[in-house]
Amino acid sequence: MSPDSMIPGSVRSAAALNEQIRALWMRAGGSLSAQERAEYELLVVEWAEAIRGEVIKAA
């Protein structure tokens, strides 16, 4: 994962992050290494923030 993609307050959409999460699982074949697990956890946190942001915008 590039350092730019780990910046708090990222502007990536929940859909884009979801795609990255799915691609990570596909590459890993369903079993994540320690490094992949760390990347996954960062992506999930960023995805949750994006979802919250999208819900707030829609309200």
N, C-alpha and C. Protein backbone atom coordinates (compact mmCIF):
# COMPACT_ATOMS: atom_id res chain seq x y z
N MET A 1 0.87 -1.17 0.00
CA MET A 1 0.00 0.00 0.00
C MET A 1 0.90 1.22 0.00
N SER A 2 0.59 2.18 -0.85
CA SER A 2 1.42 3.37 -0.91
C SER A 2 1.16 4.27 0.29
N PRO A 3 2.16 5.04 0.71
CA PRO A 3 1.96 5.94 1.86
C PRO A 3 0.83 6.93 1.64
N ASP A 4 0.63 7.39 0.41
CA ASP A 4 -0.45 8.34 0.13
C ASP A 4 -1.82 7.77 0.43
N SER A 5 -1.98 6.46 0.26
CA SER A 5 -3.29 5.86 0.48
C SER A 5 -3.57 5.64 1.96
N MET A 6 -2.59 5.88 2.83
CA MET A 6 -2.79 5.69 4.26
C MET A 6 -2.97 7.01 5.01
N ILE A 7 -3.09 8.10 4.28
CA ILE A 7 -3.26 9.41 4.91
C ILE A 7 -4.67 9.50 5.49
N PRO A 8 -4.78 9.85 6.79
CA PRO A 8 -6.12 10.01 7.38
C PRO A 8 -6.95 11.03 6.61
N GLY A 9 -8.25 10.80 6.53
CA GLY A 9 -9.13 11.72 5.83
C GLY A 9 -9.07 11.57 4.32
N SER A 10 -8.70 10.39 3.88
CA SER A 10 -8.61 10.12 2.45
C SER A 10 -9.94 10.45 1.77
N VAL A 11 -9.88 10.84 0.51
CA VAL A 11 -11.08 11.19 -0.23
C VAL A 11 -11.53 10.07 -1.16
N ARG A 12 -10.96 8.88 -1.01
CA ARG A 12 -11.39 7.77 -1.85
C ARG A 12 -12.81 7.35 -1.46
N SER A 13 -13.57 6.94 -2.44
CA SER A 13 -14.95 6.54 -2.18
C SER A 13 -15.00 5.17 -1.52
N ALA A 14 -16.11 4.92 -0.85
CA ALA A 14 -16.32 3.61 -0.23
C ALA A 14 -16.29 2.52 -1.30
N ALA A 15 -16.83 2.80 -2.46
CA ALA A 15 -16.84 1.81 -3.54
C ALA A 15 -15.42 1.49 -4.01
N ALA A 16 -14.58 2.50 -4.15
CA ALA A 16 -13.19 2.28 -4.57
C ALA A 16 -12.44 1.47 -3.51
N LEU A 17 -12.67 1.79 -2.27
CA LEU A 17 -12.01 1.07 -1.17
C LEU A 17 -12.51 -0.37 -1.11
N ASN A 18 -13.80 -0.57 -1.33
CA ASN A 18 -14.36 -1.91 -1.35
C ASN A 18 -13.70 -2.75 -2.45
N GLU A 19 -13.49 -2.14 -3.60
CA GLU A 19 -12.82 -2.84 -4.70
C GLU A 19 -11.40 -3.24 -4.31
N GLN A 20 -10.70 -2.35 -3.62
CA GLN A 20 -9.34 -2.66 -3.18
C GLN A 20 -9.34 -3.81 -2.18
N ILE A 21 -10.31 -3.81 -1.28
CA ILE A 21 -10.42 -4.88 -0.30
C ILE A 21 -10.68 -6.21 -1.01
N ARG A 22 -11.61 -6.20 -1.96
CA ARG A 22 -11.91 -7.43 -2.71
C ARG A 22 -10.70 -7.92 -3.49
N ALA A 23 -9.97 -6.99 -4.12
CA ALA A 23 -8.79 -7.36 -4.89
C ALA A 23 -7.71 -7.95 -3.98
N LEU A 24 -7.55 -7.39 -2.79
CA LEU A 24 -6.58 -7.91 -1.84
C LEU A 24 -6.91 -9.36 -1.47
N TRP A 25 -8.18 -9.63 -1.18
CA TRP A 25 -8.58 -11.00 -0.83
C TRP A 25 -8.38 -11.95 -2.01
N MET A 26 -8.66 -11.48 -3.22
CA MET A 26 -8.47 -12.33 -4.41
C MET A 26 -6.99 -12.65 -4.61
N ARG A 27 -6.12 -11.64 -4.49
CA ARG A 27 -4.68 -11.86 -4.62
C ARG A 27 -4.17 -12.82 -3.56
N ALA A 28 -4.70 -12.69 -2.36
CA ALA A 28 -4.23 -13.50 -1.23
C ALA A 28 -4.78 -14.92 -1.28
N GLY A 29 -5.80 -15.15 -2.06
CA GLY A 29 -6.37 -16.48 -2.15
C GLY A 29 -7.13 -16.90 -0.90
N GLY A 30 -7.61 -15.90 -0.15
CA GLY A 30 -8.43 -16.19 1.02
C GLY A 30 -7.67 -16.33 2.33
N SER A 31 -6.35 -16.23 2.28
CA SER A 31 -5.54 -16.33 3.49
C SER A 31 -4.51 -15.21 3.48
N LEU A 32 -4.67 -14.25 4.39
CA LEU A 32 -3.82 -13.06 4.41
C LEU A 32 -2.54 -13.28 5.20
N SER A 33 -1.42 -12.79 4.64
CA SER A 33 -0.16 -12.76 5.38
C SER A 33 -0.25 -11.64 6.42
N ALA A 34 0.73 -11.53 7.27
CA ALA A 34 0.74 -10.46 8.28
C ALA A 34 0.72 -9.09 7.61
N GLN A 35 1.49 -8.93 6.54
CA GLN A 35 1.52 -7.65 5.83
C GLN A 35 0.16 -7.37 5.17
N GLU A 36 -0.41 -8.38 4.55
CA GLU A 36 -1.71 -8.22 3.91
C GLU A 36 -2.79 -7.92 4.95
N ARG A 37 -2.70 -8.55 6.11
CA ARG A 37 -3.66 -8.31 7.20
C ARG A 37 -3.59 -6.85 7.64
N ALA A 38 -2.38 -6.31 7.76
CA ALA A 38 -2.21 -4.90 8.15
C ALA A 38 -2.82 -3.99 7.08
N GLU A 39 -2.58 -4.30 5.81
CA GLU A 39 -3.16 -3.51 4.72
C GLU A 39 -4.68 -3.59 4.76
N TYR A 40 -5.21 -4.80 4.96
CA TYR A 40 -6.65 -5.01 5.04
C TYR A 40 -7.26 -4.17 6.17
N GLU A 41 -6.64 -4.19 7.32
CA GLU A 41 -7.17 -3.44 8.46
C GLU A 41 -7.21 -1.94 8.17
N LEU A 42 -6.16 -1.41 7.53
CA LEU A 42 -6.16 0.00 7.17
C LEU A 42 -7.26 0.32 6.16
N LEU A 43 -7.42 -0.57 5.18
CA LEU A 43 -8.47 -0.36 4.17
C LEU A 43 -9.86 -0.38 4.80
N VAL A 44 -10.10 -1.30 5.72
CA VAL A 44 -11.41 -1.39 6.36
C VAL A 44 -11.72 -0.14 7.18
N VAL A 45 -10.73 0.36 7.89
CA VAL A 45 -10.93 1.60 8.67
C VAL A 45 -11.25 2.75 7.73
N GLU A 46 -10.49 2.86 6.65
CA GLU A 46 -10.73 3.94 5.68
C GLU A 46 -12.09 3.77 5.01
N TRP A 47 -12.47 2.52 4.70
CA TRP A 47 -13.78 2.25 4.09
C TRP A 47 -14.90 2.69 5.03
N ALA A 48 -14.77 2.36 6.32
CA ALA A 48 -15.80 2.74 7.31
C ALA A 48 -15.93 4.25 7.40
N GLU A 49 -14.80 4.95 7.36
CA GLU A 49 -14.83 6.42 7.39
C GLU A 49 -15.51 6.96 6.14
N ALA A 50 -15.23 6.35 5.00
CA ALA A 50 -15.85 6.79 3.75
C ALA A 50 -17.36 6.56 3.78
N ILE A 51 -17.78 5.41 4.30
CA ILE A 51 -19.21 5.13 4.43
C ILE A 51 -19.89 6.18 5.30
N ARG A 52 -19.28 6.46 6.46
CA ARG A 52 -19.85 7.48 7.36
C ARG A 52 -19.96 8.82 6.65
N GLY A 53 -18.93 9.19 5.92
CA GLY A 53 -18.93 10.46 5.18
C GLY A 53 -20.02 10.50 4.13
N GLU A 54 -20.22 9.39 3.44
CA GLU A 54 -21.24 9.33 2.39
C GLU A 54 -22.64 9.39 3.00
N VAL A 55 -22.84 8.76 4.16
CA VAL A 55 -24.14 8.78 4.82
C VAL A 55 -24.44 10.20 5.29
N ILE A 56 -23.45 10.86 5.86
CA ILE A 56 -23.65 12.23 6.35
C ILE A 56 -23.99 13.16 5.19
N LYS A 57 -23.29 13.00 4.06
CA LYS A 57 -23.57 13.84 2.88
C LYS A 57 -24.98 13.61 2.35
N ALA A 58 -25.46 12.36 2.44
CA ALA A 58 -26.78 12.03 1.92
C ALA A 58 -27.90 12.51 2.84
N ALA A 59 -27.59 12.75 4.10
CA ALA A 59 -28.62 13.13 5.06
C ALA A 59 -29.08 14.55 4.90
